[in-house]
C-alpha atoms as a PDB file:
ATOM      1  CA  MET A   1       0.088  -0.023  -0.011  1.00  0.00           C
ATOM      2  CA  ALA A   2       1.086   3.490  -0.760  1.00  0.00           C
ATOM      3  CA  VAL A   3       1.721   6.018   1.844  1.00  0.00           C
ATOM      4  CA  SER A   4      -1.696   7.896   2.165  1.00  0.00           C
ATOM      5  CA  ILE A   5      -2.276  11.113   3.809  1.00  0.00           C
ATOM      6  CA  ARG A   6      -3.733   9.708   7.088  1.00  0.00           C
ATOM      7  CA  ASP A   7      -0.350   7.926   7.516  1.00  0.00           C
ATOM      8  CA  VAL A   8       1.621  11.381   7.119  1.00  0.00           C
ATOM      9  CA  ALA A   9      -0.790  12.655   9.826  1.00  0.00           C
ATOM     10  CA  LYS A  10      -0.314   9.964  12.159  1.00  0.00           C
ATOM     11  CA  VAL A  11       3.338  10.057  11.848  1.00  0.00           C
ATOM     12  CA  ALA A  12       3.300  13.942  12.262  1.00  0.00           C
ATOM     13  CA  SER A  13       0.539  14.020  15.081  1.00  0.00           C
ATOM     14  CA  VAL A  14      -1.404  16.541  13.242  1.00  0.00           C
ATOM     15  CA  SER A  15      -4.725  16.387  11.489  1.00  0.00           C
ATOM     16  CA  CYS A  16      -5.073  15.608   7.652  1.00  0.00           C
ATOM     17  CA  GLU A  17      -6.334  19.258   7.167  1.00  0.00           C
ATOM     18  CA  SER A  18      -3.181  20.607   8.623  1.00  0.00           C
ATOM     19  CA  ILE A  19      -1.073  18.497   6.048  1.00  0.00           C
ATOM     20  CA  LEU A  20      -3.245  19.834   3.233  1.00  0.00           C
ATOM     21  CA  GLU A  21      -3.005  23.572   4.849  1.00  0.00           C
ATOM     22  CA  ALA A  22       0.798  23.129   4.649  1.00  0.00           C
ATOM     23  CA  LEU A  23       0.617  22.054   1.001  1.00  0.00           C
ATOM     24  CA  ILE A  24      -1.440  24.723  -0.332  1.00  0.00           C
ATOM     25  CA  SER A  25      -1.888  27.552   2.142  1.00  0.00           C
ATOM     26  CA  PRO A  26       1.303  27.408   4.292  1.00  0.00           C
ATOM     27  CA  SER A  27       1.018  31.138   5.100  1.00  0.00           C
ATOM     28  CA  SER A  28      -1.896  30.398   7.414  1.00  0.00           C
ATOM     29  CA  LEU A  29       0.202  28.157   9.716  1.00  0.00           C
ATOM     30  CA  GLU A  30       3.103  28.983  11.818  1.00  0.00           C
ATOM     31  CA  PRO A  31       6.430  28.596  10.059  1.00  0.00           C
ATOM     32  CA  GLU A  32       7.706  26.005  12.551  1.00  0.00           C
ATOM     33  CA  VAL A  33       4.556  23.900  11.733  1.00  0.00           C
ATOM     34  CA  VAL A  34       5.034  24.180   7.813  1.00  0.00           C
ATOM     35  CA  ARG A  35       8.557  23.020   8.167  1.00  0.00           C
ATOM     36  CA  PHE A  36       7.761  20.095  10.258  1.00  0.00           C
ATOM     37  CA  VAL A  37       4.764  18.888   8.174  1.00  0.00           C
ATOM     38  CA  MET A  38       6.754  19.205   5.001  1.00  0.00           C
ATOM     39  CA  GLN A  39       9.719  17.399   6.283  1.00  0.00           C
ATOM     40  CA  THR A  40       7.378  14.683   7.452  1.00  0.00           C
ATOM     41  CA  ILE A  41       5.890  14.659   3.761  1.00  0.00           C
ATOM     42  CA  ARG A  42       9.426  14.335   2.230  1.00  0.00           C
ATOM     43  CA  THR A  43      10.666  11.636   4.701  1.00  0.00           C
ATOM     44  CA  SER A  44       7.369   9.460   4.790  1.00  0.00           C
ATOM     45  CA  GLY A  45       7.427   8.642   1.146  1.00  0.00           C
ATOM     46  CA  PHE A  46       4.027  10.139   0.588  1.00  0.00           C
ATOM     47  CA  LEU A  47       5.188  12.078  -2.480  1.00  0.00           C
ATOM     48  CA  GLU A  48       6.008   8.912  -4.187  1.00  0.00           C
ATOM     49  CA  THR A  49       2.275   8.043  -4.025  1.00  0.00           C
ATOM     50  CA  PHE A  50       1.852  10.279  -6.875  1.00  0.00           C
ATOM     51  CA  SER A  51       4.742   9.248  -8.912  1.00  0.00           C
ATOM     52  CA  HIS A  52       2.593   8.163 -11.652  1.00  0.00           C
ATOM     53  CA  TRP A  53       1.225  11.647 -12.178  1.00  0.00           C
ATOM     54  CA  LYS A  54       4.456  13.345 -11.736  1.00  0.00           C
ATOM     55  CA  LYS A  55       6.012  11.575 -14.557  1.00  0.00           C
ATOM     56  CA  GLY A  56       3.535  12.623 -17.055  1.00  0.00           C
ATOM     57  CA  GLU A  57       4.345   9.472 -19.019  1.00  0.00           C
ATOM     58  CA  GLN A  58       0.796   8.901 -19.845  1.00  0.00           C
ATOM     59  CA  ARG A  59      -2.031  11.151 -20.411  1.00  0.00           C
ATOM     60  CA  SER A  60      -4.131  11.303 -17.285  1.00  0.00           C
ATOM     61  CA  ALA A  61      -6.859  13.763 -16.123  1.00  0.00           C
ATOM     62  CA  ILE A  62      -9.192  14.207 -13.170  1.00  0.00           C
ATOM     63  CA  ALA A  63     -12.930  14.694 -13.997  1.00  0.00           C
ATOM     64  CA  VAL A  64     -14.885  17.295 -11.617  1.00  0.00           C
ATOM     65  CA  ALA A  65     -18.868  17.334 -11.859  1.00  0.00           C
ATOM     66  CA  VAL A  66     -20.082  20.391 -10.696  1.00  0.00           C
ATOM     67  CA  PRO A  67     -23.544  22.012 -10.469  1.00  0.00           C
ATOM     68  CA  SER A  68     -22.378  25.338 -12.042  1.00  0.00           C
ATOM     69  CA  LEU A  69     -19.355  27.417 -12.556  1.00  0.00           C
ATOM     70  CA  GLU A  70     -20.816  30.720 -11.365  1.00  0.00           C
ATOM     71  CA  SER A  71     -20.839  30.183  -7.693  1.00  0.00           C
ATOM     72  CA  PRO A  72     -17.700  31.572  -5.888  1.00  0.00           C
ATOM     73  CA  TYR A  73     -18.057  28.656  -3.561  1.00  0.00           C
ATOM     74  CA  TYR A  74     -17.196  26.215  -6.247  1.00  0.00           C
ATOM     75  CA  VAL A  75     -14.431  28.546  -7.301  1.00  0.00           C
ATOM     76  CA  GLU A  76     -12.667  28.226  -3.951  1.00  0.00           C
ATOM     77  CA  ILE A  77     -13.053  24.306  -4.167  1.00  0.00           C
ATOM     78  CA  PHE A  78     -11.393  24.546  -7.735  1.00  0.00           C
ATOM     79  CA  ARG A  79      -8.580  26.801  -6.306  1.00  0.00           C
ATOM     80  CA  GLY A  80      -7.626  24.106  -3.820  1.00  0.00           C
ATOM     81  CA  ILE A  81      -7.544  21.333  -6.349  1.00  0.00           C
ATOM     82  CA  ASP A  82      -5.349  23.471  -8.607  1.00  0.00           C
ATOM     83  CA  ARG A  83      -3.072  24.365  -5.737  1.00  0.00           C
ATOM     84  CA  ALA A  84      -2.675  20.770  -4.745  1.00  0.00           C
ATOM     85  CA  LEU A  85      -2.001  19.790  -8.241  1.00  0.00           C
ATOM     86  CA  SER A  86       0.818  22.516  -8.204  1.00  0.00           C
ATOM     87  CA  SER A  87       2.234  21.833  -4.809  1.00  0.00           C
ATOM     88  CA  LEU A  88       2.560  18.113  -5.260  1.00  0.00           C
ATOM     89  CA  GLY A  89       4.171  18.840  -8.924  1.00  0.00           C
ATOM     90  CA  LEU A  90       1.743  16.613 -10.730  1.00  0.00           C
ATOM     91  CA  LYS A  91       1.416  16.586 -14.418  1.00  0.00           C
ATOM     92  CA  THR A  92      -2.233  16.154 -14.814  1.00  0.00           C
ATOM     93  CA  ALA A  93      -5.206  17.906 -16.102  1.00  0.00           C
ATOM     94  CA  THR A  94      -8.778  18.531 -14.680  1.00  0.00           C
ATOM     95  CA  ILE A  95     -11.843  18.243 -17.000  1.00  0.00           C
ATOM     96  CA  VAL A  96     -14.615  20.176 -15.759  1.00  0.00           C
ATOM     97  CA  PHE A  97     -18.299  19.460 -16.541  1.00  0.00           C
ATOM     98  CA  PRO A  98     -21.021  21.649 -15.318  1.00  0.00           C
ATOM     99  CA  THR A  99     -24.081  19.621 -14.706  1.00  0.00           C
ATOM    100  CA  ARG A 100     -26.735  22.640 -14.218  1.00  0.00           C
ATOM    101  CA  ASN A 101     -28.040  20.862 -11.272  1.00  0.00           C
ATOM    102  CA  SER A 102     -29.457  18.163 -13.280  1.00  0.00           C
ATOM    103  CA  PRO A 103     -29.440  14.646 -11.948  1.00  0.00           C
ATOM    104  CA  VAL A 104     -30.043  13.323 -15.453  1.00  0.00           C
ATOM    105  CA  PHE A 105     -27.079  15.006 -17.007  1.00  0.00           C
ATOM    106  CA  LEU A 106     -24.939  14.070 -13.904  1.00  0.00           C
ATOM    107  CA  GLU A 107     -25.501  10.544 -14.508  1.00  0.00           C
ATOM    108  CA  GLU A 108     -24.781  10.896 -18.295  1.00  0.00           C
ATOM    109  CA  VAL A 109     -21.390  12.908 -17.358  1.00  0.00           C
ATOM    110  CA  LEU A 110     -20.308   9.978 -15.078  1.00  0.00           C
ATOM    111  CA  PHE A 111     -21.202   7.190 -17.419  1.00  0.00           C
ATOM    112  CA  SER A 112     -19.129   8.909 -19.951  1.00  0.00           C
ATOM    113  CA  THR A 113     -16.178   9.220 -17.713  1.00  0.00           C
ATOM    114  CA  LEU A 114     -16.481   5.677 -16.192  1.00  0.00           C
ATOM    115  CA  HIS A 115     -15.071   3.999 -19.331  1.00  0.00           C
ATOM    116  CA  ASN A 116     -12.650   6.977 -20.660  1.00  0.00           C
ATOM    117  CA  PRO A 117      -9.087   5.677 -20.145  1.00  0.00           C
ATOM    118  CA  VAL A 118      -7.805   9.315 -19.928  1.00  0.00           C
ATOM    119  CA  VAL A 119      -9.851   9.902 -16.688  1.00  0.00           C
ATOM    120  CA  SER A 120      -7.968   8.501 -13.515  1.00  0.00           C
ATOM    121  CA  ALA A 121     -10.735   9.610 -11.109  1.00  0.00           C
ATOM    122  CA  VAL A 122     -13.837  11.550 -10.715  1.00  0.00           C
ATOM    123  CA  ILE A 123     -14.860  14.301  -8.233  1.00  0.00           C
ATOM    124  CA  VAL A 124     -18.421  15.121  -7.629  1.00  0.00           C
ATOM    125  CA  ILE A 125     -19.044  18.359  -5.893  1.00  0.00           C
ATOM    126  CA  SER A 126     -22.531  19.034  -3.950  1.00  0.00           C
ATOM    127  CA  GLN A 127     -24.540  16.342  -6.023  1.00  0.00           C
ATOM    128  CA  SER A 128     -25.337  12.678  -5.261  1.00  0.00           C
ATOM    129  CA  PRO A 129     -25.083  10.155  -7.932  1.00  0.00           C
ATOM    130  CA  SER A 130     -27.476   7.084  -8.036  1.00  0.00           C
ATOM    131  CA  LEU A 131     -26.555   3.938  -6.137  1.00  0.00           C
ATOM    132  CA  GLY A 132     -26.437   2.380  -9.593  1.00  0.00           C
ATOM    133  CA  ILE A 133     -23.639   4.589 -10.932  1.00  0.00           C
ATOM    134  CA  VAL A 134     -21.779   4.202  -7.913  1.00  0.00           C
ATOM    135  CA  GLU A 135     -21.931   0.259  -8.200  1.00  0.00           C
ATOM    136  CA  LYS A 136     -20.604   0.850 -11.712  1.00  0.00           C
ATOM    137  CA  PHE A 137     -17.486   2.703 -10.557  1.00  0.00           C
ATOM    138  CA  GLU A 138     -16.845   0.247  -7.738  1.00  0.00           C
ATOM    139  CA  ALA A 139     -17.052  -2.575 -10.193  1.00  0.00           C
ATOM    140  CA  GLU A 140     -14.526  -0.864 -12.753  1.00  0.00           C
ATOM    141  CA  LYS A 141     -12.348   0.161  -9.630  1.00  0.00           C
ATOM    142  CA  LYS A 142     -12.170   3.944 -10.787  1.00  0.00           C
ATOM    143  CA  PRO A 143     -12.249   6.138  -7.659  1.00  0.00           C
ATOM    144  CA  LEU A 144     -15.471   8.231  -7.249  1.00  0.00           C
ATOM    145  CA  ILE A 145     -15.014  11.078  -4.688  1.00  0.00           C
ATOM    146  CA  LEU A 146     -17.977  12.990  -3.533  1.00  0.00           C
ATOM    147  CA  LEU A 147     -17.471  16.525  -1.643  1.00  0.00           C
ATOM    148  CA  GLN A 148     -20.219  17.540   0.216  1.00  0.00           C
ATOM    149  CA  SER A 149     -22.487  14.490  -0.040  1.00  0.00           C
ATOM    150  CA  THR A 150     -22.531  11.009   0.437  1.00  0.00           C
ATOM    151  CA  ALA A 151     -23.589   7.703  -1.413  1.00  0.00           C
ATOM    152  CA  GLN A 152     -23.097   4.124  -0.212  1.00  0.00           C
ATOM    153  CA  GLY A 153     -19.877   2.587  -1.769  1.00  0.00           C
ATOM    154  CA  ALA A 154     -18.358   6.140  -2.647  1.00  0.00           C
ATOM    155  CA  GLN A 155     -15.826   8.065  -0.419  1.00  0.00           C
ATOM    156  CA  SER A 156     -16.619  11.502   0.606  1.00  0.00           C
ATOM    157  CA  VAL A 157     -14.915  14.803   1.692  1.00  0.00           C
ATOM    158  CA  LEU A 158     -17.511  16.107   4.161  1.00  0.00           C
ATOM    159  CA  LEU A 159     -17.959  19.711   5.568  1.00  0.00           C
ATOM    160  CA  GLU A 160     -19.244  19.600   9.196  1.00  0.00           C
ATOM    161  CA  ASN A 161     -22.407  21.682   8.819  1.00  0.00           C
ATOM    162  CA  GLN A 162     -23.802  20.785  11.994  1.00  0.00           C
ATOM    163  CA  LYS A 163     -20.714  22.028  13.930  1.00  0.00           C
ATOM    164  CA  GLY A 164     -20.485  25.106  11.922  1.00  0.00           C
ATOM    165  CA  MET A 165     -24.015  25.736  12.981  1.00  0.00           C
ATOM    166  CA  SER A 166     -23.140  25.060  16.483  1.00  0.00           C
ATOM    167  CA  ILE A 167     -20.181  27.405  16.528  1.00  0.00           C
ATOM    168  CA  ALA A 168     -22.342  30.348  15.229  1.00  0.00           C
ATOM    169  CA  VAL A 169     -25.337  29.979  17.564  1.00  0.00           C
ATOM    170  CA  ASN A 170     -22.894  29.654  20.545  1.00  0.00           C
ATOM    171  CA  HIS A 171     -20.770  32.864  19.663  1.00  0.00           C
ATOM    172  CA  LEU A 172     -24.170  34.968  19.241  1.00  0.00           C
ATOM    173  CA  PHE A 173     -25.386  33.588  22.344  1.00  0.00           C
ATOM    174  CA  HIS A 174     -22.203  34.292  24.215  1.00  0.00           C
ATOM    175  CA  LYS A 175     -22.555  37.971  22.930  1.00  0.00           C
ATOM    176  CA  GLY A 176     -25.929  38.091  24.435  1.00  0.00           C
ATOM    177  CA  LYS A 177     -28.061  37.373  21.646  1.00  0.00           C
ATOM    178  CA  GLN A 178     -31.381  35.689  22.418  1.00  0.00           C
ATOM    179  CA  ARG A 179     -33.716  35.921  19.178  1.00  0.00           C
ATOM    180  CA  ILE A 180     -31.320  34.587  16.580  1.00  0.00           C
ATOM    181  CA  ALA A 181     -32.797  34.189  12.969  1.00  0.00           C
ATOM    182  CA  LEU A 182     -31.612  31.826  10.492  1.00  0.00           C
ATOM    183  CA  ILE A 183     -31.440  32.359   6.570  1.00  0.00           C
ATOM    184  CA  ASN A 184     -31.029  28.940   4.968  1.00  0.00           C
ATOM    185  CA  THR A 185     -31.594  27.183   1.600  1.00  0.00           C
ATOM    186  CA  PRO A 186     -34.665  25.207   1.297  1.00  0.00           C
ATOM    187  CA  THR A 187     -34.947  21.802   3.056  1.00  0.00           C
ATOM    188  CA  SER A 188     -38.448  20.514   1.880  1.00  0.00           C
ATOM    189  CA  GLY A 189     -37.850  17.262  -0.037  1.00  0.00           C
ATOM    190  CA  ARG A 190     -34.282  17.178   0.717  1.00  0.00           C
ATOM    191  CA  ASP A 191     -32.618  14.233   2.792  1.00  0.00           C
ATOM    192  CA  SER A 192     -31.430  14.699   6.108  1.00  0.00           C
ATOM    193  CA  THR A 193     -27.763  14.609   5.024  1.00  0.00           C
ATOM    194  CA  SER A 194     -28.353  17.665   2.515  1.00  0.00           C
ATOM    195  CA  VAL A 195     -26.483  20.806   3.291  1.00  0.00           C
ATOM    196  CA  ALA A 196     -29.537  22.730   4.004  1.00  0.00           C
ATOM    197  CA  SER A 197     -30.891  20.084   6.500  1.00  0.00           C
ATOM    198  CA  GLU A 198     -27.705  19.577   8.224  1.00  0.00           C
ATOM    199  CA  ARG A 199     -27.391  23.383   8.887  1.00  0.00           C
ATOM    200  CA  LEU A 200     -30.793  23.681   9.911  1.00  0.00           C
ATOM    201  CA  MET A 201     -30.347  20.574  12.320  1.00  0.00           C
ATOM    202  CA  GLY A 202     -27.355  22.139  13.644  1.00  0.00           C
ATOM    203  CA  TYR A 203     -29.218  25.518  14.291  1.00  0.00           C
ATOM    204  CA  VAL A 204     -32.259  23.923  16.101  1.00  0.00           C
ATOM    205  CA  THR A 205     -30.023  21.827  18.389  1.00  0.00           C
ATOM    206  CA  ALA A 206     -27.598  24.727  19.195  1.00  0.00           C
ATOM    207  CA  LEU A 207     -30.677  26.536  20.243  1.00  0.00           C
ATOM    208  CA  HIS A 208     -32.019  23.945  22.556  1.00  0.00           C
ATOM    209  CA  ARG A 209     -28.420  23.711  24.009  1.00  0.00           C
ATOM    210  CA  ASN A 210     -28.481  27.100  25.032  1.00  0.00           C
ATOM    211  CA  ALA A 211     -31.870  26.797  26.219  1.00  0.00           C
ATOM    212  CA  LEU A 212     -33.442  29.059  23.524  1.00  0.00           C
ATOM    213  CA  ASP A 213     -36.593  28.613  22.007  1.00  0.00           C
ATOM    214  CA  PHE A 214     -36.812  27.509  18.403  1.00  0.00           C
ATOM    215  CA  ASP A 215     -39.310  29.781  16.497  1.00  0.00           C
ATOM    216  CA  GLU A 216     -39.875  28.693  12.976  1.00  0.00           C
ATOM    217  CA  ASN A 217     -41.045  32.168  11.867  1.00  0.00           C
ATOM    218  CA  LEU A 218     -37.265  33.058  12.431  1.00  0.00           C
ATOM    219  CA  VAL A 219     -36.315  30.725   9.620  1.00  0.00           C
ATOM    220  CA  PHE A 220     -36.151  32.541   6.096  1.00  0.00           C
ATOM    221  CA  GLU A 221     -35.463  30.003   3.123  1.00  0.00           C
ATOM    222  CA  ALA A 222     -33.481  31.705   0.508  1.00  0.00           C
ATOM    223  CA  ALA A 223     -33.887  30.357  -3.203  1.00  0.00           C
ATOM    224  CA  ASP A 224     -30.360  31.022  -4.138  1.00  0.00           C
ATOM    225  CA  TRP A 225     -26.801  31.606  -2.444  1.00  0.00           C
ATOM    226  CA  ASP A 226     -26.917  35.000  -4.242  1.00  0.00           C
ATOM    227  CA  GLY A 227     -26.970  38.452  -2.569  1.00  0.00           C
ATOM    228  CA  ASN A 228     -30.366  39.106  -3.638  1.00  0.00           C
ATOM    229  CA  ASP A 229     -31.929  36.585  -1.482  1.00  0.00           C
ATOM    230  CA  GLY A 230     -30.477  38.310   1.408  1.00  0.00           C
ATOM    231  CA  ILE A 231     -32.178  41.584   0.756  1.00  0.00           C
ATOM    232  CA  ALA A 232     -35.561  39.426   0.388  1.00  0.00           C
ATOM    233  CA  ALA A 233     -34.695  37.982   4.097  1.00  0.00           C
ATOM    234  CA  PHE A 234     -34.332  41.446   5.356  1.00  0.00           C
ATOM    235  CA  ASP A 235     -37.726  42.344   3.839  1.00  0.00           C
ATOM    236  CA  TYR A 236     -39.018  39.687   5.574  1.00  0.00           C
ATOM    237  CA  PHE A 237     -37.616  40.000   9.141  1.00  0.00           C
ATOM    238  CA  SER A 238     -38.549  43.768   8.822  1.00  0.00           C
ATOM    239  CA  SER A 239     -42.079  43.233   8.637  1.00  0.00           C
ATOM    240  CA  PHE A 240     -41.876  41.824  12.124  1.00  0.00           C
ATOM    241  CA  GLU A 241     -42.889  44.144  15.126  1.00  0.00           C
ATOM    242  CA  SER A 242     -39.308  43.803  16.227  1.00  0.00           C
ATOM    243  CA  MET A 243     -36.191  42.727  14.569  1.00  0.00           C
ATOM    244  CA  PRO A 244     -34.327  39.696  15.561  1.00  0.00           C
ATOM    245  CA  ASP A 245     -31.044  40.314  17.636  1.00  0.00           C
ATOM    246  CA  ALA A 246     -29.161  38.496  15.256  1.00  0.00           C
ATOM    247  CA  VAL A 247     -29.159  36.581  11.925  1.00  0.00           C
ATOM    248  CA  ILE A 248     -26.951  33.663  10.785  1.00  0.00           C
ATOM    249  CA  CYS A 249     -26.830  33.671   6.821  1.00  0.00           C
ATOM    250  CA  ALA A 250     -26.364  29.780   6.488  1.00  0.00           C
ATOM    251  CA  SER A 251     -27.308  30.340   2.740  1.00  0.00           C
ATOM    252  CA  GLY A 252     -23.765  31.990   2.602  1.00  0.00           C
ATOM    253  CA  ASP A 253     -21.622  35.228   2.647  1.00  0.00           C
ATOM    254  CA  MET A 254     -23.217  36.770  -0.496  1.00  0.00           C
ATOM    255  CA  ASN A 255     -26.796  36.573   1.141  1.00  0.00           C
ATOM    256  CA  ALA A 256     -24.938  38.223   4.349  1.00  0.00           C
ATOM    257  CA  MET A 257     -23.851  41.012   2.277  1.00  0.00           C
ATOM    258  CA  GLY A 258     -27.421  41.525   0.558  1.00  0.00           C
ATOM    259  CA  PHE A 259     -28.883  41.569   4.419  1.00  0.00           C
ATOM    260  CA  ILE A 260     -26.206  44.043   5.485  1.00  0.00           C
ATOM    261  CA  ASN A 261     -26.636  46.607   2.491  1.00  0.00           C
ATOM    262  CA  ALA A 262     -30.415  46.301   2.948  1.00  0.00           C
ATOM    263  CA  ALA A 263     -30.090  46.880   6.760  1.00  0.00           C
ATOM    264  CA  ARG A 264     -27.753  49.702   6.056  1.00  0.00           C
ATOM    265  CA  SER A 265     -30.110  51.294   3.496  1.00  0.00           C
ATOM    266  CA  ALA A 266     -32.966  51.229   6.226  1.00  0.00           C
ATOM    267  CA  SER A 267     -30.617  53.124   8.670  1.00  0.00           C
ATOM    268  CA  LEU A 268     -29.901  50.071  10.862  1.00  0.00           C
ATOM    269  CA  ARG A 269     -26.527  49.877  12.369  1.00  0.00           C
ATOM    270  CA  ILE A 270     -24.520  46.639  12.122  1.00  0.00           C
ATOM    271  CA  PRO A 271     -23.805  44.894  14.613  1.00  0.00           C
ATOM    272  CA  GLU A 272     -25.595  47.820  17.245  1.00  0.00           C
ATOM    273  CA  ASP A 273     -28.996  47.051  15.889  1.00  0.00           C
ATOM    274  CA  ILE A 274     -28.570  43.464  14.509  1.00  0.00           C
ATOM    275  CA  ALA A 275     -25.749  41.272  14.474  1.00  0.00           C
ATOM    276  CA  VAL A 276     -24.946  39.391  11.330  1.00  0.00           C
ATOM    277  CA  MET A 277     -22.987  36.078  10.651  1.00  0.00           C
ATOM    278  CA  GLY A 278     -22.185  34.707   7.344  1.00  0.00           C
ATOM    279  CA  TYR A 279     -21.135  31.187   6.100  1.00  0.00           C
ATOM    280  CA  GLY A 280     -18.280  30.306   4.028  1.00  0.00           C
ATOM    281  CA  ASP A 281     -15.494  33.082   4.275  1.00  0.00           C
ATOM    282  CA  LEU A 282     -15.397  33.992   0.778  1.00  0.00           C
ATOM    283  CA  LYS A 283     -12.679  36.541  -0.150  1.00  0.00           C
ATOM    284  CA  ILE A 284     -15.460  39.253  -0.134  1.00  0.00           C
ATOM    285  CA  ALA A 285     -16.142  38.689   3.518  1.00  0.00           C
ATOM    286  CA  SER A 286     -13.116  40.799   4.759  1.00  0.00           C
ATOM    287  CA  LEU A 287     -13.753  43.396   2.246  1.00  0.00           C
ATOM    288  CA  MET A 288     -17.249  44.307   3.279  1.00  0.00           C
ATOM    289  CA  HIS A 289     -18.119  47.444   5.173  1.00  0.00           C
ATOM    290  CA  PRO A 290     -18.305  46.353   8.031  1.00  0.00           C
ATOM    291  CA  PRO A 291     -15.984  43.108   7.672  1.00  0.00           C
ATOM    292  CA  LEU A 292     -18.097  40.192   8.075  1.00  0.00           C
ATOM    293  CA  THR A 293     -18.046  37.895  10.797  1.00  0.00           C
ATOM    294  CA  THR A 294     -18.467  34.230   9.498  1.00  0.00           C
ATOM    295  CA  ILE A 295     -17.890  30.499   9.539  1.00  0.00           C
ATOM    296  CA  ARG A 296     -14.977  29.586   7.450  1.00  0.00           C
ATOM    297  CA  GLN A 297     -15.947  26.281   5.440  1.00  0.00           C
ATOM    298  CA  ARG A 298     -12.168  25.803   4.242  1.00  0.00           C
ATOM    299  CA  LEU A 299     -13.407  25.050   0.996  1.00  0.00           C
ATOM    300  CA  MET A 300      -9.855  25.197  -0.652  1.00  0.00           C
ATOM    301  CA  ILE A 301      -8.728  22.586   1.762  1.00  0.00           C
ATOM    302  CA  ALA A 302     -11.717  20.585   1.016  1.00  0.00           C
ATOM    303  CA  GLY A 303     -10.889  20.693  -2.771  1.00  0.00           C
ATOM    304  CA  ALA A 304      -7.153  19.600  -2.099  1.00  0.00           C
ATOM    305  CA  GLY A 305      -8.446  16.812  -0.024  1.00  0.00           C
ATOM    306  CA  ALA A 306     -10.870  15.513  -2.749  1.00  0.00           C
ATOM    307  CA  LEU A 307      -7.904  15.590  -5.262  1.00  0.00           C
ATOM    308  CA  VAL A 308      -5.591  13.730  -2.833  1.00  0.00           C
ATOM    309  CA  LEU A 309      -8.194  11.077  -1.832  1.00  0.00           C
ATOM    310  CA  ALA A 310      -9.035  10.723  -5.582  1.00  0.00           C
ATOM    311  CA  LEU A 311      -5.396   9.873  -6.591  1.00  0.00           C
ATOM    312  CA  GLU A 312      -4.822   7.761  -3.153  1.00  0.00           C
ATOM    313  CA  SER A 313      -7.634   5.587  -3.991  1.00  0.00           C
ATOM    314  CA  CYS A 314      -6.248   5.001  -7.577  1.00  0.00           C
ATOM    315  CA  ILE A 315      -3.374   3.207  -5.820  1.00  0.00           C
ATOM    316  CA  ASN A 316      -4.784   2.078  -2.573  1.00  0.00           C
ATOM    317  CA  GLY A 317      -8.374   1.462  -3.347  1.00  0.00           C
ATOM    318  CA  ARG A 318     -11.324   3.205  -1.652  1.00  0.00           C
ATOM    319  CA  GLY A 319     -10.382   4.419   1.845  1.00  0.00           C
ATOM    320  CA  GLU A 320     -12.162   6.576   4.618  1.00  0.00           C
ATOM    321  CA  ASN A 321     -14.002   9.734   4.439  1.00  0.00           C
ATOM    322  CA  LEU A 322     -12.386  13.026   5.266  1.00  0.00           C
ATOM    323  CA  ILE A 323     -14.094  15.482   7.539  1.00  0.00           C
ATOM    324  CA  ILE A 324     -13.070  19.087   7.448  1.00  0.00           C
ATOM    325  CA  MET A 325     -13.817  21.003  10.406  1.00  0.00           C
ATOM    326  CA  PRO A 326     -15.243  24.673  10.176  1.00  0.00           C
ATOM    327  CA  GLU A 327     -13.798  27.665  11.996  1.00  0.00           C
ATOM    328  CA  LEU A 328     -15.129  30.909  13.399  1.00  0.00           C
ATOM    329  CA  VAL A 329     -13.752  34.137  11.864  1.00  0.00           C
ATOM    330  CA  GLU A 330     -14.502  37.160  14.194  1.00  0.00           C
ATOM    331  CA  ARG A 331     -14.523  40.611  12.352  1.00  0.00           C
ATOM    332  CA  GLU A 332     -16.904  43.327  13.064  1.00  0.00           C
ATOM    333  CA  THR A 333     -20.726  42.317  12.304  1.00  0.00           C
ATOM    334  CA  VAL A 334     -21.260  40.699  15.533  1.00  0.00           C
END
C-alpha cells in the first residue's frame, strides 16, 4: 500500500487538514509547523504515492462534476484542487463538467467518464449520484470522490455543517443574543444529509443546548446563494414587530452581504441594531463594510482533500471519508 495522507498525519501527530493546509496555504500556519509537516511529507514517502502523475508519461486527467461554474464557493474548491496539483508537482489535467443541477445530466457525465481511459478518477461536488452508477464505478475500480454529499459505496469529503452552525449560535449566544434568526436554503424534499438540512439541524440543536426556543418564523428560506435573497430576507424580518437580535446567513456570505446592504439602507447599524454572521468566508467577507464575521468552511482545503483522496484511491483502493472542520472568523458584524 502506498503512503496515504492519513499515514502522514499519524506520523506527524497532526490532522489531515493541517497536512493539506501546509501544502496549499502555508502562510496560514506557523512557519515551524509548516517546516515540520513538509519534512514529514518528504521523509514518509508520501510524494511517491503520486509518482505516476508526476512523471507525465501517460495522459491522465481528473474529471470534476460541478452544478455550475458561477458560484464563488465552487471557485474556492477549484482553487484548492489546482493548488494541490501544483504543490505536489503533478502533470495531470482537470476536466470540468457543469451539470446545471440536473441529476440526469450528472448520470450521463459520470457514465461517459467511467470508461474513459484518460480519466484517472472523478470528483463530484455537491451532488449525489445514484446507487447504480456508484456500483458501476466500484466494479470498474475507478475512484469516485463525493464532496459535500454521500452515497453508499463512494468515498466522501464532508464539511461539518452541524458543527459550523453550533459554533455560530454559541458565539452569538455568548454575545448576549437571544432571538437568533436563520437564513437557509430550502430543506423541503431534501434528505437529512443535505447541506441545508444539516445546517438547520445544527441551528435547532444549538438553540436547545443554549436553552433558547426555536421559532420557525425566524427561519427564512433563500432560493439561491446570491445577495438578492439576503435583501429578501431583510424585507421579511423587517416586517416583524421587532427585528431579531441576530441573523445567521447559513445560505452564504453573499446573502449576508445583501442583508447588510439592505439593513444599512434602512438606517440600521451593524452590529449595534442587529448582528450578522455569514457562512463560507469568501474573499469578499473581509472586504465588506463592516467586515463580515463568518464561519470559514475551508473550501480550498476540501478541494485539495478531494484531489488527494482521488489519486490515493487509484493506488490503494477506496479509503475512509475525510471530514473538514469549520472555524469561526471574528470580524466586525457581531
